[in-house]
């Protein structure tokens, strides 16, 4: 565990560690965030 774990709780460290073990999760998270943002922006324009 590197120095970036110093100021974090154990659950936060485990959360980031999960991304290092499964890089595809980061891609899924980015795609989901972009999709949600696109959906919200599209919904606001139609009103």
Protein backbone atom coordinates (compact mmCIF):
# COMPACT_ATOMS: atom_id res chain seq x y z
CA UNK A 1 0.00 0.00 0.00
CA UNK A 2 1.39 3.34 -1.03
CA UNK A 3 1.42 6.71 0.71
CA UNK A 4 -1.92 7.67 -0.85
CA UNK A 5 -3.61 5.44 1.75
CA UNK A 6 -2.41 7.50 4.74
CA UNK A 7 -5.34 9.88 5.10
CA UNK A 8 -8.06 7.44 4.14
CA UNK A 9 -10.23 5.00 6.01
CA UNK A 10 -9.83 1.28 5.36
CA UNK A 11 -13.05 1.08 3.36
CA UNK A 12 -11.93 3.93 1.11
CA UNK A 13 -8.61 2.17 0.58
CA UNK A 14 -10.39 -1.08 -0.27
CA UNK A 15 -12.60 0.81 -2.74
CA UNK A 16 -9.59 2.21 -4.62
CA UNK A 17 -7.78 -1.12 -4.39
CA UNK A 18 -10.74 -2.74 -6.17
CA UNK A 19 -10.19 -0.39 -9.14
CA UNK A 20 -6.51 -1.34 -9.33
CA UNK A 21 -7.38 -5.03 -9.32
CA UNK A 22 -10.19 -4.63 -11.91
CA UNK A 23 -9.38 -1.74 -14.29
CA UNK A 24 -12.53 -2.47 -16.34
CA UNK A 25 -14.58 -1.10 -13.42
CA UNK A 26 -13.06 2.34 -13.98
CA UNK A 27 -14.12 2.21 -17.64
CA UNK A 28 -17.65 1.15 -16.64
CA UNK A 29 -17.82 3.98 -14.07
CA UNK A 30 -16.70 6.59 -16.63
CA UNK A 31 -19.19 5.36 -19.25
CA UNK A 32 -22.02 5.33 -16.68
CA UNK A 33 -21.17 8.89 -15.56
CA UNK A 34 -21.11 10.18 -19.14
CA UNK A 35 -24.35 8.35 -19.92
CA UNK A 36 -26.08 9.80 -16.86
CA UNK A 37 -24.85 13.31 -17.67
CA UNK A 38 -26.03 13.00 -21.28
CA UNK A 39 -29.43 11.73 -20.13
CA UNK A 40 -29.86 14.59 -17.65
CA UNK A 41 -28.78 17.27 -20.14
CA UNK A 42 -31.12 15.87 -22.79
CA UNK A 43 -33.99 15.89 -20.29
CA UNK A 44 -33.43 19.53 -19.30
CA UNK A 45 -33.32 20.74 -22.93
CA UNK A 46 -36.70 19.24 -23.77
CA UNK A 47 -38.55 21.14 -21.03
